[in-house]
Amino acid sequence: MKTKLMTTGILILGLATAPMLAMSNTLDVTAIESNFTQEQEKQDKQDKVKIEKENLPQAVRDAFKKDEKTGKEEIKEAWQMRGEDGKMYYAIKFDHNGKEMSKKYDATGKEKKD
């Protein structure tokens, strides 16, 4: 009789705590996903850095000077960033007849078309 009562008590206790254990695991996964997302956003921001136009690689400067659309335009902003392929790219914003125009180049000066 004691064995049946003990077994029943343990079974009831186990059933009562099972939902709480399941909920705590779900919350932990959500917290991990949130931390991963925040870390990825930090990494993305670190991979895109505003630079001075004087710090652009010579190959990039030569490439946009040779381009008839950008050759005589003023550089408003320049950004250095790492692409999904792991290579370094340079995004440049120009003032083109009062309108903003952007172009992206790899480190060798080749224009990257998106």
PDB file of N, CA and C in Angstrom:
ATOM      1  N   MET A   1       0.813  -1.180   0.000  1.00  0.00           N
ATOM      2  CA  MET A   1       0.000   0.000   0.000  1.00  0.00           C
ATOM      3  C   MET A   1       0.870   1.262   0.000  1.00  0.00           C
ATOM      4  N   LYS A   2       1.922   1.277   0.844  1.00  0.00           N
ATOM      5  CA  LYS A   2       2.817   2.421   0.883  1.00  0.00           C
ATOM      6  C   LYS A   2       3.498   2.609  -0.469  1.00  0.00           C
ATOM      7  N   THR A   3       3.854   1.524  -1.114  1.00  0.00           N
ATOM      8  CA  THR A   3       4.527   1.578  -2.409  1.00  0.00           C
ATOM      9  C   THR A   3       3.615   2.218  -3.449  1.00  0.00           C
ATOM     10  N   LYS A   4       2.327   1.845  -3.440  1.00  0.00           N
ATOM     11  CA  LYS A   4       1.389   2.425  -4.389  1.00  0.00           C
ATOM     12  C   LYS A   4       1.223   3.919  -4.143  1.00  0.00           C
ATOM     13  N   LEU A   5       1.154   4.321  -2.891  1.00  0.00           N
ATOM     14  CA  LEU A   5       1.017   5.737  -2.574  1.00  0.00           C
ATOM     15  C   LEU A   5       2.270   6.517  -2.970  1.00  0.00           C
ATOM     16  N   MET A   6       3.437   5.946  -2.716  1.00  0.00           N
ATOM     17  CA  MET A   6       4.700   6.599  -3.070  1.00  0.00           C
ATOM     18  C   MET A   6       4.814   6.735  -4.586  1.00  0.00           C
ATOM     19  N   THR A   7       4.484   5.685  -5.303  1.00  0.00           N
ATOM     20  CA  THR A   7       4.562   5.700  -6.765  1.00  0.00           C
ATOM     21  C   THR A   7       3.600   6.737  -7.326  1.00  0.00           C
ATOM     22  N   THR A   8       2.387   6.771  -6.797  1.00  0.00           N
ATOM     23  CA  THR A   8       1.392   7.734  -7.244  1.00  0.00           C
ATOM     24  C   THR A   8       1.869   9.160  -6.934  1.00  0.00           C
ATOM     25  N   GLY A   9       2.410   9.373  -5.773  1.00  0.00           N
ATOM     26  CA  GLY A   9       2.909  10.703  -5.372  1.00  0.00           C
ATOM     27  C   GLY A   9       4.041  11.175  -6.277  1.00  0.00           C
ATOM     28  N   ILE A  10       4.972  10.282  -6.575  1.00  0.00           N
ATOM     29  CA  ILE A  10       6.098  10.632  -7.449  1.00  0.00           C
ATOM     30  C   ILE A  10       5.582  10.948  -8.857  1.00  0.00           C
ATOM     31  N   LEU A  11       4.622  10.160  -9.345  1.00  0.00           N
ATOM     32  CA  LEU A  11       4.045  10.381 -10.666  1.00  0.00           C
ATOM     33  C   LEU A  11       3.346  11.741 -10.733  1.00  0.00           C
ATOM     34  N   ILE A  12       2.579  12.074  -9.714  1.00  0.00           N
ATOM     35  CA  ILE A  12       1.868  13.358  -9.681  1.00  0.00           C
ATOM     36  C   ILE A  12       2.861  14.519  -9.604  1.00  0.00           C
ATOM     37  N   LEU A  13       3.892  14.373  -8.789  1.00  0.00           N
ATOM     38  CA  LEU A  13       4.909  15.409  -8.666  1.00  0.00           C
ATOM     39  C   LEU A  13       5.631  15.614 -10.006  1.00  0.00           C
ATOM     40  N   GLY A  14       5.943  14.532 -10.683  1.00  0.00           N
ATOM     41  CA  GLY A  14       6.605  14.614 -11.986  1.00  0.00           C
ATOM     42  C   GLY A  14       5.733  15.296 -13.021  1.00  0.00           C
ATOM     43  N   LEU A  15       4.440  14.948 -13.038  1.00  0.00           N
ATOM     44  CA  LEU A  15       3.519  15.574 -13.989  1.00  0.00           C
ATOM     45  C   LEU A  15       3.320  17.058 -13.682  1.00  0.00           C
ATOM     46  N   ALA A  16       3.354  17.403 -12.418  1.00  0.00           N
ATOM     47  CA  ALA A  16       3.149  18.798 -12.030  1.00  0.00           C
ATOM     48  C   ALA A  16       4.345  19.672 -12.410  1.00  0.00           C
ATOM     49  N   THR A  17       5.552  19.129 -12.368  1.00  0.00           N
ATOM     50  CA  THR A  17       6.739  19.942 -12.663  1.00  0.00           C
ATOM     51  C   THR A  17       7.138  19.903 -14.138  1.00  0.00           C
ATOM     52  N   ALA A  18       6.634  18.951 -14.889  1.00  0.00           N
ATOM     53  CA  ALA A  18       7.021  18.830 -16.308  1.00  0.00           C
ATOM     54  C   ALA A  18       6.712  20.092 -17.117  1.00  0.00           C
ATOM     55  N   PRO A  19       5.539  20.709 -17.001  1.00  0.00           N
ATOM     56  CA  PRO A  19       5.276  21.930 -17.787  1.00  0.00           C
ATOM     57  C   PRO A  19       6.225  23.078 -17.432  1.00  0.00           C
ATOM     58  N   MET A  20       6.603  23.184 -16.172  1.00  0.00           N
ATOM     59  CA  MET A  20       7.522  24.246 -15.776  1.00  0.00           C
ATOM     60  C   MET A  20       8.896  24.024 -16.395  1.00  0.00           C
ATOM     61  N   LEU A  21       9.349  22.800 -16.427  1.00  0.00           N
ATOM     62  CA  LEU A  21      10.639  22.504 -17.039  1.00  0.00           C
ATOM     63  C   LEU A  21      10.609  22.781 -18.538  1.00  0.00           C
ATOM     64  N   ALA A  22       9.513  22.430 -19.177  1.00  0.00           N
ATOM     65  CA  ALA A  22       9.383  22.668 -20.612  1.00  0.00           C
ATOM     66  C   ALA A  22       9.378  24.169 -20.912  1.00  0.00           C
ATOM     67  N   MET A  23       8.705  24.955 -20.085  1.00  0.00           N
ATOM     68  CA  MET A  23       8.658  26.395 -20.295  1.00  0.00           C
ATOM     69  C   MET A  23      10.024  27.024 -20.076  1.00  0.00           C
ATOM     70  N   SER A  24      10.785  26.580 -19.108  1.00  0.00           N
ATOM     71  CA  SER A  24      12.092  27.177 -18.856  1.00  0.00           C
ATOM     72  C   SER A  24      13.043  26.905 -20.013  1.00  0.00           C
ATOM     73  N   ASN A  25      12.955  25.769 -20.665  1.00  0.00           N
ATOM     74  CA  ASN A  25      13.793  25.478 -21.822  1.00  0.00           C
ATOM     75  C   ASN A  25      13.450  26.385 -22.987  1.00  0.00           C
ATOM     76  N   THR A  26      12.177  26.667 -23.179  1.00  0.00           N
ATOM     77  CA  THR A  26      11.752  27.552 -24.256  1.00  0.00           C
ATOM     78  C   THR A  26      12.281  28.961 -24.023  1.00  0.00           C
ATOM     79  N   LEU A  27      12.232  29.437 -22.811  1.00  0.00           N
ATOM     80  CA  LEU A  27      12.724  30.775 -22.504  1.00  0.00           C
ATOM     81  C   LEU A  27      14.221  30.864 -22.739  1.00  0.00           C
ATOM     82  N   ASP A  28      14.969  29.847 -22.403  1.00  0.00           N
ATOM     83  CA  ASP A  28      16.408  29.849 -22.609  1.00  0.00           C
ATOM     84  C   ASP A  28      16.739  29.938 -24.099  1.00  0.00           C
ATOM     85  N   VAL A  29      16.015  29.228 -24.928  1.00  0.00           N
ATOM     86  CA  VAL A  29      16.252  29.267 -26.367  1.00  0.00           C
ATOM     87  C   VAL A  29      15.988  30.662 -26.899  1.00  0.00           C
ATOM     88  N   THR A  30      14.928  31.300 -26.450  1.00  0.00           N
ATOM     89  CA  THR A  30      14.610  32.655 -26.878  1.00  0.00           C
ATOM     90  C   THR A  30      15.720  33.617 -26.480  1.00  0.00           C
ATOM     91  N   ALA A  31      16.225  33.478 -25.269  1.00  0.00           N
ATOM     92  CA  ALA A  31      17.308  34.345 -24.803  1.00  0.00           C
ATOM     93  C   ALA A  31      18.566  34.136 -25.641  1.00  0.00           C
ATOM     94  N   ILE A  32      18.867  32.909 -25.978  1.00  0.00           N
ATOM     95  CA  ILE A  32      20.042  32.613 -26.805  1.00  0.00           C
ATOM     96  C   ILE A  32      19.873  33.207 -28.187  1.00  0.00           C
ATOM     97  N   GLU A  33      18.681  33.053 -28.788  1.00  0.00           N
ATOM     98  CA  GLU A  33      18.431  33.622 -30.114  1.00  0.00           C
ATOM     99  C   GLU A  33      18.561  35.135 -30.082  1.00  0.00           C
ATOM    100  N   SER A  34      18.064  35.761 -29.038  1.00  0.00           N
ATOM    101  CA  SER A  34      18.137  37.212 -28.911  1.00  0.00           C
ATOM    102  C   SER A  34      19.593  37.666 -28.810  1.00  0.00           C
ATOM    103  N   ASN A  35      20.390  36.978 -27.989  1.00  0.00           N
ATOM    104  CA  ASN A  35      21.801  37.323 -27.848  1.00  0.00           C
ATOM    105  C   ASN A  35      22.538  37.144 -29.164  1.00  0.00           C
ATOM    106  N   PHE A  36      22.228  36.079 -29.902  1.00  0.00           N
ATOM    107  CA  PHE A  36      22.877  35.825 -31.185  1.00  0.00           C
ATOM    108  C   PHE A  36      22.551  36.949 -32.166  1.00  0.00           C
ATOM    109  N   THR A  37      21.294  37.371 -32.205  1.00  0.00           N
ATOM    110  CA  THR A  37      20.878  38.446 -33.101  1.00  0.00           C
ATOM    111  C   THR A  37      21.597  39.747 -32.758  1.00  0.00           C
ATOM    112  N   GLN A  38      21.693  40.054 -31.477  1.00  0.00           N
ATOM    113  CA  GLN A  38      22.382  41.270 -31.052  1.00  0.00           C
ATOM    114  C   GLN A  38      23.859  41.214 -31.416  1.00  0.00           C
ATOM    115  N   GLU A  39      24.489  40.061 -31.219  1.00  0.00           N
ATOM    116  CA  GLU A  39      25.902  39.910 -31.571  1.00  0.00           C
ATOM    117  C   GLU A  39      26.101  40.060 -33.077  1.00  0.00           C
ATOM    118  N   GLN A  40      25.187  39.507 -33.875  1.00  0.00           N
ATOM    119  CA  GLN A  40      25.287  39.622 -35.334  1.00  0.00           C
ATOM    120  C   GLN A  40      25.158  41.084 -35.769  1.00  0.00           C
ATOM    121  N   GLU A  41      24.240  41.833 -35.137  1.00  0.00           N
ATOM    122  CA  GLU A  41      24.075  43.245 -35.466  1.00  0.00           C
ATOM    123  C   GLU A  41      25.333  44.026 -35.119  1.00  0.00           C
ATOM    124  N   LYS A  42      25.961  43.716 -33.982  1.00  0.00           N
ATOM    125  CA  LYS A  42      27.208  44.381 -33.607  1.00  0.00           C
ATOM    126  C   LYS A  42      28.289  44.084 -34.637  1.00  0.00           C
ATOM    127  N   GLN A  43      28.368  42.829 -35.065  1.00  0.00           N
ATOM    128  CA  GLN A  43      29.362  42.434 -36.053  1.00  0.00           C
ATOM    129  C   GLN A  43      29.140  43.161 -37.368  1.00  0.00           C
ATOM    130  N   ASP A  44      27.878  43.275 -37.806  1.00  0.00           N
ATOM    131  CA  ASP A  44      27.564  43.975 -39.046  1.00  0.00           C
ATOM    132  C   ASP A  44      27.990  45.440 -38.965  1.00  0.00           C
ATOM    133  N   LYS A  45      27.755  46.076 -37.819  1.00  0.00           N
ATOM    134  CA  LYS A  45      28.135  47.471 -37.657  1.00  0.00           C
ATOM    135  C   LYS A  45      29.654  47.624 -37.670  1.00  0.00           C
ATOM    136  N   GLN A  46      30.359  46.674 -37.089  1.00  0.00           N
ATOM    137  CA  GLN A  46      31.808  46.737 -37.074  1.00  0.00           C
ATOM    138  C   GLN A  46      32.376  46.520 -38.466  1.00  0.00           C
ATOM    139  N   ASP A  47      31.687  45.785 -39.304  1.00  0.00           N
ATOM    140  CA  ASP A  47      32.172  45.498 -40.644  1.00  0.00           C
ATOM    141  C   ASP A  47      31.973  46.665 -41.600  1.00  0.00           C
ATOM    142  N   LYS A  48      31.180  47.660 -41.252  1.00  0.00           N
ATOM    143  CA  LYS A  48      30.960  48.833 -42.093  1.00  0.00           C
ATOM    144  C   LYS A  48      31.482  50.048 -41.340  1.00  0.00           C
ATOM    145  N   VAL A  49      32.538  50.649 -41.888  1.00  0.00           N
ATOM    146  CA  VAL A  49      33.204  51.746 -41.202  1.00  0.00           C
ATOM    147  C   VAL A  49      33.327  52.934 -42.153  1.00  0.00           C
ATOM    148  N   LYS A  50      32.930  54.088 -41.672  1.00  0.00           N
ATOM    149  CA  LYS A  50      33.082  55.301 -42.476  1.00  0.00           C
ATOM    150  C   LYS A  50      34.558  55.687 -42.488  1.00  0.00           C
ATOM    151  N   ILE A  51      35.065  56.011 -43.679  1.00  0.00           N
ATOM    152  CA  ILE A  51      36.469  56.384 -43.802  1.00  0.00           C
ATOM    153  C   ILE A  51      36.586  57.715 -44.539  1.00  0.00           C
ATOM    154  N   GLU A  52      37.718  58.347 -44.399  1.00  0.00           N
ATOM    155  CA  GLU A  52      37.988  59.575 -45.134  1.00  0.00           C
ATOM    156  C   GLU A  52      38.287  59.220 -46.581  1.00  0.00           C
ATOM    157  N   LYS A  53      37.910  60.092 -47.508  1.00  0.00           N
ATOM    158  CA  LYS A  53      38.117  59.793 -48.927  1.00  0.00           C
ATOM    159  C   LYS A  53      39.591  59.628 -49.264  1.00  0.00           C
ATOM    160  N   GLU A  54      40.456  60.275 -48.496  1.00  0.00           N
ATOM    161  CA  GLU A  54      41.890  60.141 -48.711  1.00  0.00           C
ATOM    162  C   GLU A  54      42.385  58.733 -48.379  1.00  0.00           C
ATOM    163  N   ASN A  55      41.611  57.990 -47.589  1.00  0.00           N
ATOM    164  CA  ASN A  55      42.006  56.641 -47.181  1.00  0.00           C
ATOM    165  C   ASN A  55      41.512  55.546 -48.126  1.00  0.00           C
ATOM    166  N   LEU A  56      40.840  55.942 -49.200  1.00  0.00           N
ATOM    167  CA  LEU A  56      40.415  54.957 -50.194  1.00  0.00           C
ATOM    168  C   LEU A  56      41.650  54.397 -50.898  1.00  0.00           C
ATOM    169  N   PRO A  57      41.642  53.112 -51.233  1.00  0.00           N
ATOM    170  CA  PRO A  57      42.782  52.550 -51.963  1.00  0.00           C
ATOM    171  C   PRO A  57      42.969  53.276 -53.304  1.00  0.00           C
ATOM    172  N   GLN A  58      44.216  53.368 -53.734  1.00  0.00           N
ATOM    173  CA  GLN A  58      44.529  54.075 -54.976  1.00  0.00           C
ATOM    174  C   GLN A  58      43.773  53.482 -56.165  1.00  0.00           C
ATOM    175  N   ALA A  59      43.623  52.166 -56.201  1.00  0.00           N
ATOM    176  CA  ALA A  59      42.908  51.513 -57.305  1.00  0.00           C
ATOM    177  C   ALA A  59      41.453  51.964 -57.362  1.00  0.00           C
ATOM    178  N   VAL A  60      40.834  52.168 -56.219  1.00  0.00           N
ATOM    179  CA  VAL A  60      39.436  52.630 -56.168  1.00  0.00           C
ATOM    180  C   VAL A  60      39.360  54.080 -56.634  1.00  0.00           C
ATOM    181  N   ARG A  61      40.288  54.914 -56.169  1.00  0.00           N
ATOM    182  CA  ARG A  61      40.302  56.325 -56.592  1.00  0.00           C
ATOM    183  C   ARG A  61      40.505  56.442 -58.102  1.00  0.00           C
ATOM    184  N   ASP A  62      41.401  55.643 -58.626  1.00  0.00           N
ATOM    185  CA  ASP A  62      41.650  55.659 -60.075  1.00  0.00           C
ATOM    186  C   ASP A  62      40.409  55.219 -60.845  1.00  0.00           C
ATOM    187  N   ALA A  63      39.698  54.210 -60.325  1.00  0.00           N
ATOM    188  CA  ALA A  63      38.521  53.677 -61.021  1.00  0.00           C
ATOM    189  C   ALA A  63      37.413  54.712 -61.128  1.00  0.00           C
ATOM    190  N   PHE A  64      37.093  55.419 -60.052  1.00  0.00           N
ATOM    191  CA  PHE A  64      35.982  56.377 -60.165  1.00  0.00           C
ATOM    192  C   PHE A  64      36.404  57.651 -60.893  1.00  0.00           C
ATOM    193  N   LYS A  65      37.694  57.952 -60.920  1.00  0.00           N
ATOM    194  CA  LYS A  65      38.156  59.113 -61.693  1.00  0.00           C
ATOM    195  C   LYS A  65      38.052  58.842 -63.196  1.00  0.00           C
ATOM    196  N   LYS A  66      38.237  57.588 -63.605  1.00  0.00           N
ATOM    197  CA  LYS A  66      38.155  57.216 -65.017  1.00  0.00           C
ATOM    198  C   LYS A  66      36.706  57.109 -65.501  1.00  0.00           C
ATOM    199  N   ASP A  67      35.777  56.899 -64.579  1.00  0.00           N
ATOM    200  CA  ASP A  67      34.360  56.764 -64.931  1.00  0.00           C
ATOM    201  C   ASP A  67      33.815  58.139 -65.329  1.00  0.00           C
ATOM    202  N   GLU A  68      33.159  58.220 -66.497  1.00  0.00           N
ATOM    203  CA  GLU A  68      32.660  59.514 -66.972  1.00  0.00           C
ATOM    204  C   GLU A  68      31.548  60.085 -66.093  1.00  0.00           C
ATOM    205  N   LYS A  69      30.806  59.236 -65.360  1.00  0.00           N
ATOM    206  CA  LYS A  69      29.737  59.736 -64.482  1.00  0.00           C
ATOM    207  C   LYS A  69      30.293  60.275 -63.168  1.00  0.00           C
ATOM    208  N   THR A  70      31.360  59.672 -62.674  1.00  0.00           N
ATOM    209  CA  THR A  70      31.867  60.039 -61.347  1.00  0.00           C
ATOM    210  C   THR A  70      33.208  60.766 -61.391  1.00  0.00           C
ATOM    211  N   GLY A  71      33.838  60.835 -62.541  1.00  0.00           N
ATOM    212  CA  GLY A  71      35.184  61.383 -62.653  1.00  0.00           C
ATOM    213  C   GLY A  71      35.367  62.773 -62.090  1.00  0.00           C
ATOM    214  N   LYS A  72      34.378  63.637 -62.272  1.00  0.00           N
ATOM    215  CA  LYS A  72      34.507  65.022 -61.816  1.00  0.00           C
ATOM    216  C   LYS A  72      33.610  65.329 -60.622  1.00  0.00           C
ATOM    217  N   GLU A  73      32.943  64.312 -60.092  1.00  0.00           N
ATOM    218  CA  GLU A  73      31.998  64.524 -58.991  1.00  0.00           C
ATOM    219  C   GLU A  73      32.716  64.569 -57.644  1.00  0.00           C
ATOM    220  N   GLU A  74      32.097  65.246 -56.709  1.00  0.00           N
ATOM    221  CA  GLU A  74      32.640  65.357 -55.360  1.00  0.00           C
ATOM    222  C   GLU A  74      32.176  64.172 -54.514  1.00  0.00           C
ATOM    223  N   ILE A  75      33.097  63.605 -53.749  1.00  0.00           N
ATOM    224  CA  ILE A  75      32.761  62.506 -52.840  1.00  0.00           C
ATOM    225  C   ILE A  75      32.143  63.100 -51.581  1.00  0.00           C
ATOM    226  N   LYS A  76      30.930  62.631 -51.251  1.00  0.00           N
ATOM    227  CA  LYS A  76      30.269  63.075 -50.023  1.00  0.00           C
ATOM    228  C   LYS A  76      30.665  62.193 -48.844  1.00  0.00           C
ATOM    229  N   GLU A  77      30.644  60.863 -49.069  1.00  0.00           N
ATOM    230  CA  GLU A  77      30.966  59.901 -48.011  1.00  0.00           C
ATOM    231  C   GLU A  77      31.656  58.698 -48.622  1.00  0.00           C
ATOM    232  N   ALA A  78      32.477  58.052 -47.817  1.00  0.00           N
ATOM    233  CA  ALA A  78      33.112  56.799 -48.235  1.00  0.00           C
ATOM    234  C   ALA A  78      33.024  55.819 -47.073  1.00  0.00           C
ATOM    235  N   TRP A  79      32.721  54.570 -47.393  1.00  0.00           N
ATOM    236  CA  TRP A  79      32.562  53.521 -46.391  1.00  0.00           C
ATOM    237  C   TRP A  79      33.383  52.299 -46.797  1.00  0.00           C
ATOM    238  N   GLN A  80      33.995  51.683 -45.816  1.00  0.00           N
ATOM    239  CA  GLN A  80      34.706  50.421 -46.020  1.00  0.00           C
ATOM    240  C   GLN A  80      33.866  49.344 -45.363  1.00  0.00           C
ATOM    241  N   MET A  81      33.633  48.229 -46.084  1.00  0.00           N
ATOM    242  CA  MET A  81      32.792  47.170 -45.518  1.00  0.00           C
ATOM    243  C   MET A  81      33.255  45.806 -46.009  1.00  0.00           C
ATOM    244  N   ARG A  82      32.902  44.800 -45.256  1.00  0.00           N
ATOM    245  CA  ARG A  82      33.205  43.430 -45.646  1.00  0.00           C
ATOM    246  C   ARG A  82      31.941  42.828 -46.240  1.00  0.00           C
ATOM    247  N   GLY A  83      32.067  42.263 -47.445  1.00  0.00           N
ATOM    248  CA  GLY A  83      30.937  41.646 -48.118  1.00  0.00           C
ATOM    249  C   GLY A  83      30.654  40.258 -47.581  1.00  0.00           C
ATOM    250  N   GLU A  84      29.556  39.673 -48.026  1.00  0.00           N
ATOM    251  CA  GLU A  84      29.187  38.318 -47.601  1.00  0.00           C
ATOM    252  C   GLU A  84      30.232  37.300 -48.039  1.00  0.00           C
ATOM    253  N   ASP A  85      30.967  37.637 -49.098  1.00  0.00           N
ATOM    254  CA  ASP A  85      32.010  36.742 -49.589  1.00  0.00           C
ATOM    255  C   ASP A  85      33.317  36.876 -48.804  1.00  0.00           C
ATOM    256  N   GLY A  86      33.345  37.779 -47.818  1.00  0.00           N
ATOM    257  CA  GLY A  86      34.522  37.966 -46.983  1.00  0.00           C
ATOM    258  C   GLY A  86      35.501  38.993 -47.527  1.00  0.00           C
ATOM    259  N   LYS A  87      35.253  39.521 -48.727  1.00  0.00           N
ATOM    260  CA  LYS A  87      36.154  40.498 -49.337  1.00  0.00           C
ATOM    261  C   LYS A  87      35.815  41.907 -48.868  1.00  0.00           C
ATOM    262  N   MET A  88      36.809  42.801 -48.970  1.00  0.00           N
ATOM    263  CA  MET A  88      36.626  44.187 -48.582  1.00  0.00           C
ATOM    264  C   MET A  88      36.075  44.975 -49.772  1.00  0.00           C
ATOM    265  N   TYR A  89      35.068  45.816 -49.497  1.00  0.00           N
ATOM    266  CA  TYR A  89      34.456  46.661 -50.515  1.00  0.00           C
ATOM    267  C   TYR A  89      34.410  48.099 -50.011  1.00  0.00           C
ATOM    268  N   TYR A  90      34.259  49.009 -50.963  1.00  0.00           N
ATOM    269  CA  TYR A  90      34.214  50.432 -50.647  1.00  0.00           C
ATOM    270  C   TYR A  90      32.978  51.037 -51.304  1.00  0.00           C
ATOM    271  N   ALA A  91      32.108  51.597 -50.489  1.00  0.00           N
ATOM    272  CA  ALA A  91      30.897  52.260 -50.981  1.00  0.00           C
ATOM    273  C   ALA A  91      31.166  53.760 -50.942  1.00  0.00           C
ATOM    274  N   ILE A  92      30.873  54.417 -52.053  1.00  0.00           N
ATOM    275  CA  ILE A  92      31.142  55.847 -52.158  1.00  0.00           C
ATOM    276  C   ILE A  92      29.871  56.560 -52.589  1.00  0.00           C
ATOM    277  N   LYS A  93      29.558  57.640 -51.873  1.00  0.00           N
ATOM    278  CA  LYS A  93      28.422  58.488 -52.236  1.00  0.00           C
ATOM    279  C   LYS A  93      28.974  59.750 -52.873  1.00  0.00           C
ATOM    280  N   PHE A  94      28.460  60.048 -54.063  1.00  0.00           N
ATOM    281  CA  PHE A  94      28.887  61.224 -54.816  1.00  0.00           C
ATOM    282  C   PHE A  94      27.755  62.240 -54.864  1.00  0.00           C
ATOM    283  N   ASP A  95      28.139  63.506 -55.040  1.00  0.00           N
ATOM    284  CA  ASP A  95      27.171  64.560 -55.323  1.00  0.00           C
ATOM    285  C   ASP A  95      27.171  64.724 -56.834  1.00  0.00           C
ATOM    286  N   HIS A  96      26.136  64.220 -57.489  1.00  0.00           N
ATOM    287  CA  HIS A  96      26.045  64.219 -58.953  1.00  0.00           C
ATOM    288  C   HIS A  96      24.972  65.209 -59.384  1.00  0.00           C
ATOM    289  N   ASN A  97      25.409  66.408 -59.750  1.00  0.00           N
ATOM    290  CA  ASN A  97      24.483  67.469 -60.170  1.00  0.00           C
ATOM    291  C   ASN A  97      23.391  67.732 -59.139  1.00  0.00           C
ATOM    292  N   GLY A  98      23.774  67.772 -57.883  1.00  0.00           N
ATOM    293  CA  GLY A  98      22.825  68.042 -56.812  1.00  0.00           C
ATOM    294  C   GLY A  98      22.063  66.830 -56.316  1.00  0.00           C
ATOM    295  N   LYS A  99      22.276  65.672 -56.944  1.00  0.00           N
ATOM    296  CA  LYS A  99      21.622  64.429 -56.515  1.00  0.00           C
ATOM    297  C   LYS A  99      22.674  63.472 -55.995  1.00  0.00           C
ATOM    298  N   GLU A 100      22.259  62.679 -55.037  1.00  0.00           N
ATOM    299  CA  GLU A 100      23.184  61.703 -54.467  1.00  0.00           C
ATOM    300  C   GLU A 100      23.252  60.455 -55.345  1.00  0.00           C
ATOM    301  N   MET A 101      24.464  60.000 -55.606  1.00  0.00           N
ATOM    302  CA  MET A 101      24.679  58.787 -56.388  1.00  0.00           C
ATOM    303  C   MET A 101      25.683  57.923 -55.628  1.00  0.00           C
ATOM    304  N   SER A 102      25.423  56.616 -55.571  1.00  0.00           N
ATOM    305  CA  SER A 102      26.308  55.696 -54.858  1.00  0.00           C
ATOM    306  C   SER A 102      26.877  54.655 -55.798  1.00  0.00           C
ATOM    307  N   LYS A 103      28.113  54.287 -55.538  1.00  0.00           N
ATOM    308  CA  LYS A 103      28.761  53.201 -56.267  1.00  0.00           C
ATOM    309  C   LYS A 103      29.559  52.387 -55.270  1.00  0.00           C
ATOM    310  N   LYS A 104      29.756  51.122 -55.622  1.00  0.00           N
ATOM    311  CA  LYS A 104      30.484  50.208 -54.747  1.00  0.00           C
ATOM    312  C   LYS A 104      31.612  49.570 -55.550  1.00  0.00           C
ATOM    313  N   TYR A 105      32.799  49.529 -54.954  1.00  0.00           N
ATOM    314  CA  TYR A 105      33.982  48.990 -55.615  1.00  0.00           C
ATOM    315  C   TYR A 105      34.659  47.954 -54.727  1.00  0.00           C
ATOM    316  N   ASP A 106      35.334  46.986 -55.365  1.00  0.00           N
ATOM    317  CA  ASP A 106      36.167  46.088 -54.577  1.00  0.00           C
ATOM    318  C   ASP A 106      37.537  46.743 -54.404  1.00  0.00           C
ATOM    319  N   ALA A 107      38.446  46.103 -53.702  1.00  0.00           N
ATOM    320  CA  ALA A 107      39.743  46.716 -53.383  1.00  0.00           C
ATOM    321  C   ALA A 107      40.609  46.932 -54.626  1.00  0.00           C
ATOM    322  N   THR A 108      40.313  46.238 -55.725  1.00  0.00           N
ATOM    323  CA  THR A 108      41.085  46.402 -56.954  1.00  0.00           C
ATOM    324  C   THR A 108      40.531  47.502 -57.847  1.00  0.00           C
ATOM    325  N   GLY A 109      39.414  48.130 -57.454  1.00  0.00           N
ATOM    326  CA  GLY A 109      38.813  49.202 -58.220  1.00  0.00           C
ATOM    327  C   GLY A 109      37.724  48.761 -59.174  1.00  0.00           C
ATOM    328  N   LYS A 110      37.396  47.486 -59.142  1.00  0.00           N
ATOM    329  CA  LYS A 110      36.331  46.979 -60.007  1.00  0.00           C
ATOM    330  C   LYS A 110      34.972  47.330 -59.375  1.00  0.00           C
ATOM    331  N   GLU A 111      34.105  47.947 -60.185  1.00  0.00           N
ATOM    332  CA  GLU A 111      32.786  48.320 -59.673  1.00  0.00           C
ATOM    333  C   GLU A 111      31.951  47.071 -59.435  1.00  0.00           C
ATOM    334  N   LYS A 112      31.288  47.035 -58.295  1.00  0.00           N
ATOM    335  CA  LYS A 112      30.424  45.900 -57.950  1.00  0.00           C
ATOM    336  C   LYS A 112      28.986  46.298 -58.226  1.00  0.00           C
ATOM    337  N   LYS A 113      28.348  45.553 -59.074  1.00  0.00           N
ATOM    338  CA  LYS A 113      26.934  45.788 -59.371  1.00  0.00           C
ATOM    339  C   LYS A 113      26.118  44.895 -58.443  1.00  0.00           C
ATOM    340  N   ASP A 114      25.151  45.490 -57.761  1.00  0.00           N
ATOM    341  CA  ASP A 114      24.296  44.698 -56.850  1.00  0.00           C
ATOM    342  C   ASP A 114      23.178  44.030 -57.579  1.00  0.00           C
TER     343      ASP A 114
END
